[in-house]
Amino acid sequence: MPFSIFSRLLGMLFVLLVLGGCQSSLMVAPTTEAEPKATADKALVVFMRPSSLGGAVQSSVYDTRAEGNDVFAGVVSSKSKVAYLAEPGEHLFMVVSENADFLAANLEAGKRYYVLVAPRMGVWRARFSLLPIRNDASAKEGLQSKQFRAWDESTEWMVIGPKANSWYQDNIDSIRARKLDYLPKWQNKSAADKAERTLRSVDGI
């Protein structure tokens, strides 16, 4: 069997066995109506997925680490958003579904940042990309735009439920395999492409 076909079959198997376990029970509604906030020593990153495209496919997000101890930030379902408190400084976030995709970030403590979890059609199911939402009045889909306000209003807050961390530990090998498969593609991007896929410190509010 040609390697490319074999690789695609493995990708499908990953979706069915791993992401198929990403049931909505992994994420639950928050117990308080208060919105998450950044703290004096940490930044808040909000991953939002307003699109209903690929609604049956879940997308899990991570704060990657060079040493491999990635941090599970949550599962972002259709019409939901997840908040993640992050240390200030440089980060590389990852979303995993049939594929893996990455977003660089340079965060400032005390600020809130927004990331769009954007679905697109994959080989077997929907794939996802992470896109920075700019704090720029001239940006078409920036924080000051009508589009962003619609996204914010149409998504509901979700938090990690009691089953989520055990799910992550059960599937960590498959998730790491996706990371190792797709990380070189990110690393080989041009400087200009990486700049477009970087959340800048000034994008926080």
N, C-alpha and C. Protein backbone atom coordinates (compact mmCIF):
# COMPACT_ATOMS: atom_id res chain seq x y z
N MET A 1 0.84 -1.20 0.00
CA MET A 1 0.00 0.00 0.00
C MET A 1 0.88 1.25 0.00
N PRO A 2 0.67 2.20 -0.93
CA PRO A 2 1.47 3.43 -0.95
C PRO A 2 1.41 4.14 0.39
N PHE A 3 2.54 4.77 0.76
CA PHE A 3 2.63 5.40 2.07
C PHE A 3 1.58 6.49 2.25
N SER A 4 1.33 7.29 1.20
CA SER A 4 0.37 8.39 1.33
C SER A 4 -1.02 7.87 1.67
N ILE A 5 -1.43 6.76 1.04
CA ILE A 5 -2.73 6.18 1.33
C ILE A 5 -2.75 5.61 2.74
N PHE A 6 -1.66 4.94 3.11
CA PHE A 6 -1.55 4.38 4.45
C PHE A 6 -1.63 5.48 5.50
N SER A 7 -0.96 6.61 5.22
CA SER A 7 -0.98 7.73 6.16
C SER A 7 -2.39 8.28 6.31
N ARG A 8 -3.13 8.36 5.20
CA ARG A 8 -4.50 8.86 5.27
C ARG A 8 -5.39 7.91 6.06
N LEU A 9 -5.18 6.61 5.88
CA LEU A 9 -5.97 5.64 6.63
C LEU A 9 -5.69 5.75 8.12
N LEU A 10 -4.43 5.99 8.47
CA LEU A 10 -4.09 6.19 9.87
C LEU A 10 -4.77 7.44 10.41
N GLY A 11 -4.83 8.49 9.56
CA GLY A 11 -5.51 9.71 9.98
C GLY A 11 -6.98 9.46 10.25
N MET A 12 -7.63 8.67 9.39
CA MET A 12 -9.03 8.35 9.60
C MET A 12 -9.20 7.54 10.87
N LEU A 13 -8.32 6.57 11.09
CA LEU A 13 -8.41 5.74 12.29
C LEU A 13 -8.24 6.59 13.54
N PHE A 14 -7.34 7.58 13.46
CA PHE A 14 -7.14 8.50 14.59
C PHE A 14 -8.42 9.24 14.92
N VAL A 15 -9.09 9.74 13.88
CA VAL A 15 -10.33 10.48 14.10
C VAL A 15 -11.38 9.59 14.73
N LEU A 16 -11.53 8.37 14.20
CA LEU A 16 -12.58 7.49 14.68
C LEU A 16 -12.34 7.03 16.10
N LEU A 17 -11.08 6.68 16.43
CA LEU A 17 -10.79 6.10 17.73
C LEU A 17 -10.51 7.15 18.80
N VAL A 18 -9.82 8.22 18.41
CA VAL A 18 -9.42 9.21 19.41
C VAL A 18 -10.43 10.34 19.51
N LEU A 19 -10.65 11.04 18.42
CA LEU A 19 -11.55 12.18 18.49
C LEU A 19 -13.00 11.73 18.59
N GLY A 20 -13.26 10.49 18.20
CA GLY A 20 -14.60 9.98 18.42
C GLY A 20 -14.93 9.90 19.89
N GLY A 21 -13.89 9.85 20.73
CA GLY A 21 -14.12 9.83 22.18
C GLY A 21 -14.33 11.19 22.76
N CYS A 22 -14.17 12.25 21.95
CA CYS A 22 -14.35 13.62 22.44
C CYS A 22 -15.83 13.94 22.52
N GLN A 23 -16.56 13.24 23.35
CA GLN A 23 -17.97 13.52 23.48
C GLN A 23 -18.16 14.82 24.25
N SER A 24 -19.36 15.38 24.11
CA SER A 24 -19.64 16.66 24.74
C SER A 24 -19.49 16.57 26.26
N SER A 25 -19.55 15.34 26.82
CA SER A 25 -19.42 15.18 28.27
C SER A 25 -18.04 15.57 28.77
N LEU A 26 -17.05 15.65 27.86
CA LEU A 26 -15.72 16.08 28.28
C LEU A 26 -15.71 17.54 28.68
N MET A 27 -16.54 18.33 28.03
CA MET A 27 -16.65 19.75 28.34
C MET A 27 -18.03 20.01 28.92
N VAL A 28 -18.09 20.84 29.94
CA VAL A 28 -19.35 21.11 30.63
C VAL A 28 -19.55 22.62 30.74
N ALA A 29 -20.78 23.01 30.98
CA ALA A 29 -21.08 24.42 31.18
C ALA A 29 -20.46 24.89 32.50
N PRO A 30 -19.95 26.12 32.55
CA PRO A 30 -19.36 26.62 33.80
C PRO A 30 -20.40 26.74 34.90
N THR A 31 -19.97 26.64 36.12
CA THR A 31 -20.88 26.71 37.26
C THR A 31 -21.21 28.15 37.65
N THR A 32 -20.51 29.10 37.07
CA THR A 32 -20.76 30.51 37.35
C THR A 32 -21.00 31.25 36.05
N GLU A 33 -21.77 32.32 36.11
CA GLU A 33 -22.03 33.11 34.92
C GLU A 33 -20.95 34.16 34.67
N ALA A 34 -20.03 34.30 35.61
CA ALA A 34 -18.95 35.28 35.46
C ALA A 34 -18.02 34.85 34.33
N GLU A 35 -17.69 35.78 33.43
CA GLU A 35 -16.80 35.46 32.33
C GLU A 35 -15.36 35.28 32.83
N PRO A 36 -14.61 34.39 32.21
CA PRO A 36 -13.20 34.22 32.59
C PRO A 36 -12.43 35.52 32.36
N LYS A 37 -11.45 35.76 33.20
CA LYS A 37 -10.65 36.97 33.09
C LYS A 37 -9.17 36.64 33.18
N ALA A 38 -8.36 37.50 32.55
CA ALA A 38 -6.91 37.40 32.73
C ALA A 38 -6.58 37.81 34.16
N THR A 39 -5.41 37.42 34.63
CA THR A 39 -4.96 37.80 35.96
C THR A 39 -3.74 38.70 35.84
N ALA A 40 -3.30 39.21 36.96
CA ALA A 40 -2.16 40.13 36.94
C ALA A 40 -0.90 39.46 36.41
N ASP A 41 -0.79 38.13 36.59
CA ASP A 41 0.43 37.44 36.18
C ASP A 41 0.23 36.48 35.01
N LYS A 42 -1.01 36.40 34.46
CA LYS A 42 -1.26 35.49 33.35
C LYS A 42 -2.16 36.14 32.31
N ALA A 43 -2.02 35.67 31.07
CA ALA A 43 -2.89 36.10 29.98
C ALA A 43 -4.03 35.09 29.82
N LEU A 44 -5.15 35.55 29.28
CA LEU A 44 -6.27 34.67 28.99
C LEU A 44 -6.39 34.52 27.48
N VAL A 45 -6.40 33.27 27.01
CA VAL A 45 -6.57 32.99 25.59
C VAL A 45 -7.92 32.31 25.40
N VAL A 46 -8.75 32.87 24.54
CA VAL A 46 -10.08 32.33 24.28
C VAL A 46 -10.07 31.68 22.89
N PHE A 47 -10.30 30.37 22.86
CA PHE A 47 -10.42 29.63 21.60
C PHE A 47 -11.91 29.53 21.27
N MET A 48 -12.32 30.13 20.16
CA MET A 48 -13.75 30.12 19.81
C MET A 48 -13.98 29.47 18.45
N ARG A 49 -15.09 28.71 18.39
CA ARG A 49 -15.44 28.01 17.16
C ARG A 49 -16.91 28.32 16.81
N PRO A 50 -17.17 29.45 16.16
CA PRO A 50 -18.55 29.84 15.86
C PRO A 50 -19.17 29.07 14.71
N SER A 51 -18.37 28.48 13.84
CA SER A 51 -18.91 27.80 12.66
C SER A 51 -19.55 26.47 13.02
N SER A 52 -20.61 26.12 12.30
CA SER A 52 -21.25 24.82 12.48
C SER A 52 -20.73 23.79 11.48
N LEU A 53 -19.81 24.19 10.58
CA LEU A 53 -19.22 23.26 9.62
C LEU A 53 -18.46 22.17 10.38
N GLY A 54 -18.68 20.93 9.98
CA GLY A 54 -18.01 19.83 10.67
C GLY A 54 -18.44 19.70 12.11
N GLY A 55 -19.71 20.02 12.37
CA GLY A 55 -20.19 20.09 13.75
C GLY A 55 -20.05 18.80 14.53
N ALA A 56 -20.07 17.65 13.85
CA ALA A 56 -19.96 16.37 14.54
C ALA A 56 -18.52 16.04 14.92
N VAL A 57 -17.56 16.78 14.38
CA VAL A 57 -16.14 16.51 14.64
C VAL A 57 -15.63 17.48 15.69
N GLN A 58 -15.00 16.95 16.71
CA GLN A 58 -14.48 17.78 17.79
C GLN A 58 -13.04 18.22 17.48
N SER A 59 -12.64 19.33 18.07
CA SER A 59 -11.28 19.84 17.90
C SER A 59 -10.70 20.10 19.28
N SER A 60 -9.62 19.42 19.60
CA SER A 60 -8.98 19.60 20.91
C SER A 60 -7.78 20.52 20.76
N VAL A 61 -7.57 21.39 21.75
CA VAL A 61 -6.51 22.39 21.67
C VAL A 61 -5.51 22.21 22.81
N TYR A 62 -4.25 22.59 22.51
CA TYR A 62 -3.15 22.34 23.42
C TYR A 62 -2.16 23.50 23.41
N ASP A 63 -1.50 23.68 24.53
CA ASP A 63 -0.36 24.58 24.65
C ASP A 63 0.87 23.69 24.60
N THR A 64 1.60 23.69 23.49
CA THR A 64 2.69 22.74 23.31
C THR A 64 3.92 23.15 24.12
N ARG A 65 4.73 22.17 24.39
CA ARG A 65 5.99 22.36 25.10
C ARG A 65 7.11 21.69 24.33
N ALA A 66 8.27 22.31 24.30
CA ALA A 66 9.40 21.74 23.57
C ALA A 66 9.81 20.39 24.14
N GLU A 67 9.68 20.23 25.46
CA GLU A 67 10.08 18.98 26.09
C GLU A 67 9.02 17.90 25.96
N GLY A 68 7.88 18.25 25.36
CA GLY A 68 6.86 17.25 25.09
C GLY A 68 5.72 17.20 26.06
N ASN A 69 5.81 17.91 27.18
CA ASN A 69 4.74 17.89 28.19
C ASN A 69 3.68 18.93 27.84
N ASP A 70 2.95 18.67 26.74
CA ASP A 70 1.95 19.62 26.27
C ASP A 70 0.81 19.74 27.29
N VAL A 71 0.18 20.91 27.32
CA VAL A 71 -0.92 21.17 28.24
C VAL A 71 -2.24 21.10 27.47
N PHE A 72 -3.14 20.28 27.93
CA PHE A 72 -4.46 20.13 27.34
C PHE A 72 -5.32 21.33 27.76
N ALA A 73 -5.76 22.13 26.77
CA ALA A 73 -6.54 23.32 27.08
C ALA A 73 -8.03 23.09 26.98
N GLY A 74 -8.45 22.06 26.24
CA GLY A 74 -9.87 21.76 26.15
C GLY A 74 -10.28 21.27 24.78
N VAL A 75 -11.57 20.94 24.64
CA VAL A 75 -12.17 20.52 23.38
C VAL A 75 -13.13 21.62 22.95
N VAL A 76 -12.94 22.14 21.75
CA VAL A 76 -13.76 23.24 21.26
C VAL A 76 -14.75 22.70 20.25
N SER A 77 -15.99 22.56 20.68
CA SER A 77 -17.06 22.07 19.81
C SER A 77 -17.66 23.23 19.03
N SER A 78 -18.49 22.88 18.06
CA SER A 78 -19.20 23.89 17.29
C SER A 78 -20.02 24.79 18.21
N LYS A 79 -19.96 26.09 17.96
CA LYS A 79 -20.71 27.10 18.71
C LYS A 79 -20.28 27.20 20.17
N SER A 80 -19.02 26.92 20.44
CA SER A 80 -18.53 27.03 21.81
C SER A 80 -17.22 27.80 21.87
N LYS A 81 -16.81 28.16 23.08
CA LYS A 81 -15.52 28.81 23.29
C LYS A 81 -14.96 28.35 24.62
N VAL A 82 -13.63 28.28 24.67
CA VAL A 82 -12.91 27.75 25.82
C VAL A 82 -11.84 28.74 26.22
N ALA A 83 -11.73 29.02 27.51
CA ALA A 83 -10.73 29.97 28.02
C ALA A 83 -9.55 29.20 28.60
N TYR A 84 -8.35 29.73 28.36
CA TYR A 84 -7.12 29.09 28.85
C TYR A 84 -6.21 30.16 29.44
N LEU A 85 -5.86 30.01 30.71
CA LEU A 85 -4.93 30.93 31.35
C LEU A 85 -3.51 30.50 31.02
N ALA A 86 -2.73 31.43 30.46
CA ALA A 86 -1.39 31.09 29.98
C ALA A 86 -0.35 32.00 30.60
N GLU A 87 0.83 31.47 30.78
CA GLU A 87 1.95 32.28 31.22
C GLU A 87 2.27 33.33 30.16
N PRO A 88 2.72 34.51 30.55
CA PRO A 88 3.13 35.50 29.54
C PRO A 88 4.35 35.00 28.78
N GLY A 89 4.51 35.52 27.56
CA GLY A 89 5.65 35.14 26.75
C GLY A 89 5.25 34.35 25.52
N GLU A 90 6.19 33.60 24.97
CA GLU A 90 5.97 32.90 23.71
C GLU A 90 5.34 31.52 23.92
N HIS A 91 4.42 31.20 23.01
CA HIS A 91 3.72 29.91 23.05
C HIS A 91 3.56 29.39 21.62
N LEU A 92 3.31 28.09 21.52
CA LEU A 92 2.90 27.49 20.26
C LEU A 92 1.68 26.64 20.57
N PHE A 93 0.51 27.12 20.14
CA PHE A 93 -0.74 26.41 20.37
C PHE A 93 -0.99 25.43 19.23
N MET A 94 -1.72 24.37 19.55
CA MET A 94 -2.00 23.33 18.56
C MET A 94 -3.46 22.91 18.65
N VAL A 95 -4.08 22.68 17.48
CA VAL A 95 -5.41 22.08 17.41
C VAL A 95 -5.27 20.74 16.71
N VAL A 96 -5.97 19.72 17.22
CA VAL A 96 -5.88 18.37 16.67
C VAL A 96 -7.26 17.87 16.29
N SER A 97 -7.37 17.34 15.09
CA SER A 97 -8.56 16.62 14.63
C SER A 97 -8.04 15.54 13.70
N GLU A 98 -8.45 15.53 12.43
CA GLU A 98 -7.82 14.64 11.46
C GLU A 98 -6.38 15.06 11.23
N ASN A 99 -6.13 16.35 11.38
CA ASN A 99 -4.79 16.90 11.22
C ASN A 99 -4.35 17.55 12.52
N ALA A 100 -3.22 18.23 12.49
CA ALA A 100 -2.82 19.13 13.56
C ALA A 100 -2.43 20.45 12.90
N ASP A 101 -2.72 21.54 13.57
CA ASP A 101 -2.35 22.86 13.06
C ASP A 101 -1.86 23.69 14.22
N PHE A 102 -1.10 24.75 13.91
CA PHE A 102 -0.39 25.48 14.95
C PHE A 102 -0.59 26.99 14.83
N LEU A 103 -0.44 27.66 15.96
CA LEU A 103 -0.50 29.11 16.02
C LEU A 103 0.53 29.57 17.05
N ALA A 104 1.43 30.42 16.61
CA ALA A 104 2.39 31.01 17.54
C ALA A 104 1.73 32.16 18.29
N ALA A 105 2.24 32.47 19.47
CA ALA A 105 1.67 33.56 20.25
C ALA A 105 2.74 34.18 21.13
N ASN A 106 2.62 35.47 21.31
CA ASN A 106 3.47 36.21 22.25
C ASN A 106 2.53 36.98 23.16
N LEU A 107 2.34 36.50 24.37
CA LEU A 107 1.28 36.97 25.25
C LEU A 107 1.79 37.90 26.34
N GLU A 108 0.92 38.81 26.73
CA GLU A 108 1.23 39.76 27.80
C GLU A 108 0.28 39.51 28.97
N ALA A 109 0.82 39.44 30.15
CA ALA A 109 0.00 39.20 31.34
C ALA A 109 -1.06 40.29 31.49
N GLY A 110 -2.23 39.89 31.99
CA GLY A 110 -3.30 40.84 32.22
C GLY A 110 -4.17 41.11 31.02
N LYS A 111 -3.85 40.52 29.86
CA LYS A 111 -4.62 40.76 28.63
C LYS A 111 -5.40 39.52 28.21
N ARG A 112 -6.49 39.77 27.47
CA ARG A 112 -7.31 38.69 26.91
C ARG A 112 -7.08 38.64 25.39
N TYR A 113 -6.88 37.43 24.89
CA TYR A 113 -6.63 37.21 23.46
C TYR A 113 -7.69 36.25 22.92
N TYR A 114 -7.96 36.36 21.62
CA TYR A 114 -8.94 35.50 20.97
C TYR A 114 -8.31 34.78 19.78
N VAL A 115 -8.65 33.48 19.67
CA VAL A 115 -8.18 32.64 18.57
C VAL A 115 -9.38 31.98 17.92
N LEU A 116 -9.46 32.05 16.60
CA LEU A 116 -10.54 31.42 15.86
C LEU A 116 -10.15 29.98 15.52
N VAL A 117 -10.99 29.03 15.94
CA VAL A 117 -10.83 27.64 15.54
C VAL A 117 -11.67 27.46 14.29
N ALA A 118 -11.01 27.43 13.13
CA ALA A 118 -11.71 27.50 11.84
C ALA A 118 -11.72 26.13 11.15
N PRO A 119 -12.90 25.56 10.89
CA PRO A 119 -12.97 24.27 10.20
C PRO A 119 -12.80 24.40 8.69
N ARG A 120 -12.30 23.36 8.09
CA ARG A 120 -12.21 23.24 6.63
C ARG A 120 -12.32 21.76 6.29
N MET A 121 -12.72 21.45 5.09
CA MET A 121 -12.93 20.05 4.74
C MET A 121 -11.61 19.31 4.60
N GLY A 122 -11.53 18.14 5.22
CA GLY A 122 -10.34 17.31 5.15
C GLY A 122 -10.55 16.11 4.25
N VAL A 123 -9.65 15.15 4.34
CA VAL A 123 -9.73 13.95 3.52
C VAL A 123 -10.94 13.11 3.92
N TRP A 124 -11.10 12.93 5.24
CA TRP A 124 -12.19 12.08 5.74
C TRP A 124 -13.25 12.91 6.45
N ARG A 125 -12.83 13.87 7.21
CA ARG A 125 -13.74 14.73 7.97
C ARG A 125 -13.16 16.14 7.99
N ALA A 126 -13.81 17.00 8.77
CA ALA A 126 -13.34 18.38 8.86
C ALA A 126 -11.96 18.45 9.51
N ARG A 127 -11.13 19.33 8.99
CA ARG A 127 -9.87 19.69 9.62
C ARG A 127 -10.02 21.09 10.21
N PHE A 128 -9.04 21.49 11.01
CA PHE A 128 -9.17 22.78 11.68
C PHE A 128 -7.85 23.55 11.62
N SER A 129 -7.99 24.87 11.56
CA SER A 129 -6.85 25.77 11.65
C SER A 129 -7.06 26.72 12.81
N LEU A 130 -5.97 27.22 13.36
CA LEU A 130 -6.02 28.25 14.40
C LEU A 130 -5.62 29.58 13.78
N LEU A 131 -6.49 30.58 13.90
CA LEU A 131 -6.26 31.89 13.29
C LEU A 131 -6.32 32.98 14.35
N PRO A 132 -5.35 33.91 14.34
CA PRO A 132 -5.38 34.99 15.33
C PRO A 132 -6.48 36.00 15.01
N ILE A 133 -7.17 36.47 16.02
CA ILE A 133 -8.14 37.55 15.86
C ILE A 133 -7.45 38.83 16.34
N ARG A 134 -7.27 39.76 15.41
CA ARG A 134 -6.43 40.93 15.67
C ARG A 134 -7.16 42.02 16.45
N ASN A 135 -6.42 42.69 17.28
CA ASN A 135 -6.91 43.91 17.95
C ASN A 135 -6.53 45.09 17.05
N ASP A 136 -7.25 45.17 15.93
CA ASP A 136 -6.92 46.16 14.90
C ASP A 136 -8.23 46.61 14.26
N ALA A 137 -8.52 47.89 14.37
CA ALA A 137 -9.78 48.42 13.86
C ALA A 137 -9.93 48.24 12.36
N SER A 138 -8.82 48.11 11.65
CA SER A 138 -8.88 47.96 10.19
C SER A 138 -9.03 46.50 9.76
N ALA A 139 -8.91 45.57 10.68
CA ALA A 139 -9.01 44.15 10.34
C ALA A 139 -10.45 43.78 10.07
N LYS A 140 -10.68 43.05 8.98
CA LYS A 140 -12.04 42.69 8.58
C LYS A 140 -12.73 41.86 9.66
N GLU A 141 -12.01 40.97 10.28
CA GLU A 141 -12.58 40.11 11.32
C GLU A 141 -11.85 40.31 12.64
N GLY A 142 -11.49 41.58 12.91
CA GLY A 142 -10.80 41.92 14.14
C GLY A 142 -11.76 42.07 15.30
N LEU A 143 -11.21 42.38 16.47
CA LEU A 143 -12.01 42.46 17.68
C LEU A 143 -13.07 43.55 17.64
N GLN A 144 -12.87 44.56 16.80
CA GLN A 144 -13.84 45.66 16.71
C GLN A 144 -14.89 45.44 15.62
N SER A 145 -14.84 44.32 14.93
CA SER A 145 -15.72 44.09 13.78
C SER A 145 -17.08 43.53 14.21
N LYS A 146 -18.07 43.71 13.33
CA LYS A 146 -19.38 43.11 13.54
C LYS A 146 -19.30 41.59 13.51
N GLN A 147 -18.40 41.07 12.67
CA GLN A 147 -18.23 39.63 12.56
C GLN A 147 -17.80 39.03 13.89
N PHE A 148 -16.84 39.68 14.54
CA PHE A 148 -16.39 39.16 15.83
C PHE A 148 -17.50 39.22 16.87
N ARG A 149 -18.25 40.30 16.90
CA ARG A 149 -19.34 40.41 17.87
C ARG A 149 -20.37 39.29 17.65
N ALA A 150 -20.62 38.97 16.38
CA ALA A 150 -21.54 37.87 16.08
C ALA A 150 -20.97 36.54 16.57
N TRP A 151 -19.67 36.33 16.36
CA TRP A 151 -19.03 35.12 16.84
C TRP A 151 -19.15 35.01 18.36
N ASP A 152 -18.87 36.11 19.03
CA ASP A 152 -18.87 36.12 20.50
C ASP A 152 -20.27 35.82 21.04
N GLU A 153 -21.28 36.40 20.40
CA GLU A 153 -22.65 36.20 20.87
C GLU A 153 -23.18 34.81 20.56
N SER A 154 -22.67 34.18 19.51
CA SER A 154 -23.21 32.88 19.10
C SER A 154 -22.49 31.69 19.73
N THR A 155 -21.45 31.94 20.51
CA THR A 155 -20.70 30.86 21.14
C THR A 155 -20.92 30.86 22.65
N GLU A 156 -20.94 29.68 23.23
CA GLU A 156 -21.17 29.52 24.66
C GLU A 156 -19.89 29.05 25.36
N TRP A 157 -19.70 29.55 26.56
CA TRP A 157 -18.53 29.14 27.34
C TRP A 157 -18.65 27.69 27.77
N MET A 158 -17.54 26.97 27.67
CA MET A 158 -17.45 25.61 28.17
C MET A 158 -16.15 25.46 28.93
N VAL A 159 -16.15 24.56 29.90
CA VAL A 159 -14.95 24.30 30.70
C VAL A 159 -14.66 22.80 30.71
N ILE A 160 -13.45 22.45 31.06
CA ILE A 160 -13.04 21.04 31.09
C ILE A 160 -13.82 20.31 32.19
N GLY A 161 -14.45 19.19 31.80
CA GLY A 161 -15.20 18.38 32.75
C GLY A 161 -14.33 17.35 33.44
N PRO A 162 -14.90 16.61 34.39
CA PRO A 162 -14.11 15.65 35.18
C PRO A 162 -13.54 14.49 34.36
N LYS A 163 -14.11 14.20 33.18
CA LYS A 163 -13.63 13.08 32.36
C LYS A 163 -12.55 13.49 31.37
N ALA A 164 -12.35 14.81 31.21
CA ALA A 164 -11.50 15.28 30.12
C ALA A 164 -10.02 14.92 30.30
N ASN A 165 -9.50 15.12 31.48
CA ASN A 165 -8.07 14.87 31.68
C ASN A 165 -7.74 13.39 31.54
N SER A 166 -8.64 12.51 31.99
CA SER A 166 -8.39 11.07 31.81
C SER A 166 -8.46 10.70 30.33
N TRP A 167 -9.37 11.36 29.58
CA TRP A 167 -9.42 11.14 28.13
C TRP A 167 -8.10 11.53 27.49
N TYR A 168 -7.55 12.66 27.91
CA TYR A 168 -6.29 13.13 27.34
C TYR A 168 -5.17 12.13 27.63
N GLN A 169 -5.08 11.64 28.86
CA GLN A 169 -4.03 10.69 29.21
C GLN A 169 -4.20 9.38 28.43
N ASP A 170 -5.44 8.96 28.20
CA ASP A 170 -5.68 7.72 27.45
C ASP A 170 -5.26 7.85 25.98
N ASN A 171 -5.30 9.06 25.45
CA ASN A 171 -5.06 9.27 24.01
C ASN A 171 -3.79 10.07 23.71
N ILE A 172 -2.96 10.25 24.71
CA ILE A 172 -1.81 11.14 24.55
C ILE A 172 -0.85 10.67 23.47
N ASP A 173 -0.68 9.37 23.30
CA ASP A 173 0.24 8.87 22.28
C ASP A 173 -0.24 9.22 20.87
N SER A 174 -1.53 9.08 20.62
CA SER A 174 -2.07 9.41 19.31
C SER A 174 -1.99 10.91 19.04
N ILE A 175 -2.21 11.71 20.07
CA ILE A 175 -2.13 13.17 19.92
C ILE A 175 -0.69 13.59 19.62
N ARG A 176 0.25 13.00 20.31
CA ARG A 176 1.66 13.30 20.06
C ARG A 176 2.06 12.88 18.65
N ALA A 177 1.51 11.78 18.15
CA ALA A 177 1.81 11.35 16.79
C ALA A 177 1.35 12.38 15.78
N ARG A 178 0.18 12.95 15.99
CA ARG A 178 -0.31 14.02 15.10
C ARG A 178 0.63 15.22 15.16
N LYS A 179 1.08 15.55 16.35
CA LYS A 179 1.99 16.68 16.52
C LYS A 179 3.29 16.45 15.74
N LEU A 180 3.88 15.29 15.91
CA LEU A 180 5.15 14.99 15.24
C LEU A 180 4.98 14.94 13.72
N ASP A 181 3.81 14.55 13.26
CA ASP A 181 3.55 14.45 11.83
C ASP A 181 3.43 15.82 11.19
N TYR A 182 2.77 16.76 11.88
CA TYR A 182 2.46 18.05 11.27
C TYR A 182 3.37 19.20 11.69
N LEU A 183 4.10 19.04 12.79
CA LEU A 183 4.96 20.13 13.24
C LEU A 183 6.01 20.54 12.21
N PRO A 184 6.63 19.60 11.48
CA PRO A 184 7.62 20.02 10.46
C PRO A 184 7.00 20.93 9.40
N LYS A 185 5.73 20.75 9.08
CA LYS A 185 5.09 21.62 8.09
C LYS A 185 5.00 23.05 8.61
N TRP A 186 4.74 23.17 9.90
CA TRP A 186 4.73 24.51 10.51
C TRP A 186 6.14 25.10 10.50
N GLN A 187 7.11 24.31 10.89
CA GLN A 187 8.48 24.79 10.98
C GLN A 187 9.03 25.22 9.63
N ASN A 188 8.54 24.63 8.55
CA ASN A 188 9.01 24.94 7.21
C ASN A 188 8.28 26.12 6.55
N LYS A 189 7.31 26.68 7.25
CA LYS A 189 6.62 27.84 6.70
C LYS A 189 7.57 29.03 6.60
N SER A 190 7.29 29.93 5.69
CA SER A 190 8.11 31.13 5.55
C SER A 190 7.88 32.06 6.74
N ALA A 191 8.79 33.00 6.93
CA ALA A 191 8.65 33.96 8.02
C ALA A 191 7.37 34.76 7.87
N ALA A 192 7.01 35.09 6.63
CA ALA A 192 5.79 35.86 6.38
C ALA A 192 4.55 35.06 6.75
N ASP A 193 4.54 33.78 6.38
CA ASP A 193 3.40 32.93 6.72
C ASP A 193 3.26 32.76 8.23
N LYS A 194 4.38 32.58 8.90
CA LYS A 194 4.33 32.44 10.35
C LYS A 194 3.85 33.73 11.02
N ALA A 195 4.24 34.88 10.47
CA ALA A 195 3.79 36.16 11.03
C ALA A 195 2.28 36.30 10.95
N GLU A 196 1.70 35.80 9.85
CA GLU A 196 0.25 35.85 9.69
C GLU A 196 -0.45 34.93 10.67
N ARG A 197 0.26 33.91 11.14
CA ARG A 197 -0.32 32.94 12.05
C ARG A 197 0.28 33.08 13.45
N THR A 198 0.53 34.33 13.83
CA THR A 198 1.07 34.62 15.16
C THR A 198 0.16 35.60 15.88
N LEU A 199 -0.19 35.27 17.09
CA LEU A 199 -0.96 36.16 17.95
C LEU A 199 0.04 37.08 18.64
N ARG A 200 -0.04 38.37 18.34
CA ARG A 200 0.94 39.31 18.86
C ARG A 200 0.51 39.86 20.20
N SER A 201 1.46 40.34 20.97
CA SER A 201 1.14 40.88 22.29
C SER A 201 0.13 42.02 22.18
N VAL A 202 0.20 42.81 21.10
CA VAL A 202 -0.70 43.96 20.94
C VAL A 202 -2.11 43.53 20.55
N ASP A 203 -2.32 42.24 20.26
CA ASP A 203 -3.66 41.77 19.91
C ASP A 203 -4.52 41.54 21.15
N GLY A 204 -3.92 41.66 22.31
CA GLY A 204 -4.69 41.48 23.54
C GLY A 204 -5.43 42.74 23.95
N ILE A 205 -6.45 42.57 24.74
CA ILE A 205 -7.23 43.72 25.22
C ILE A 205 -7.33 43.67 26.75
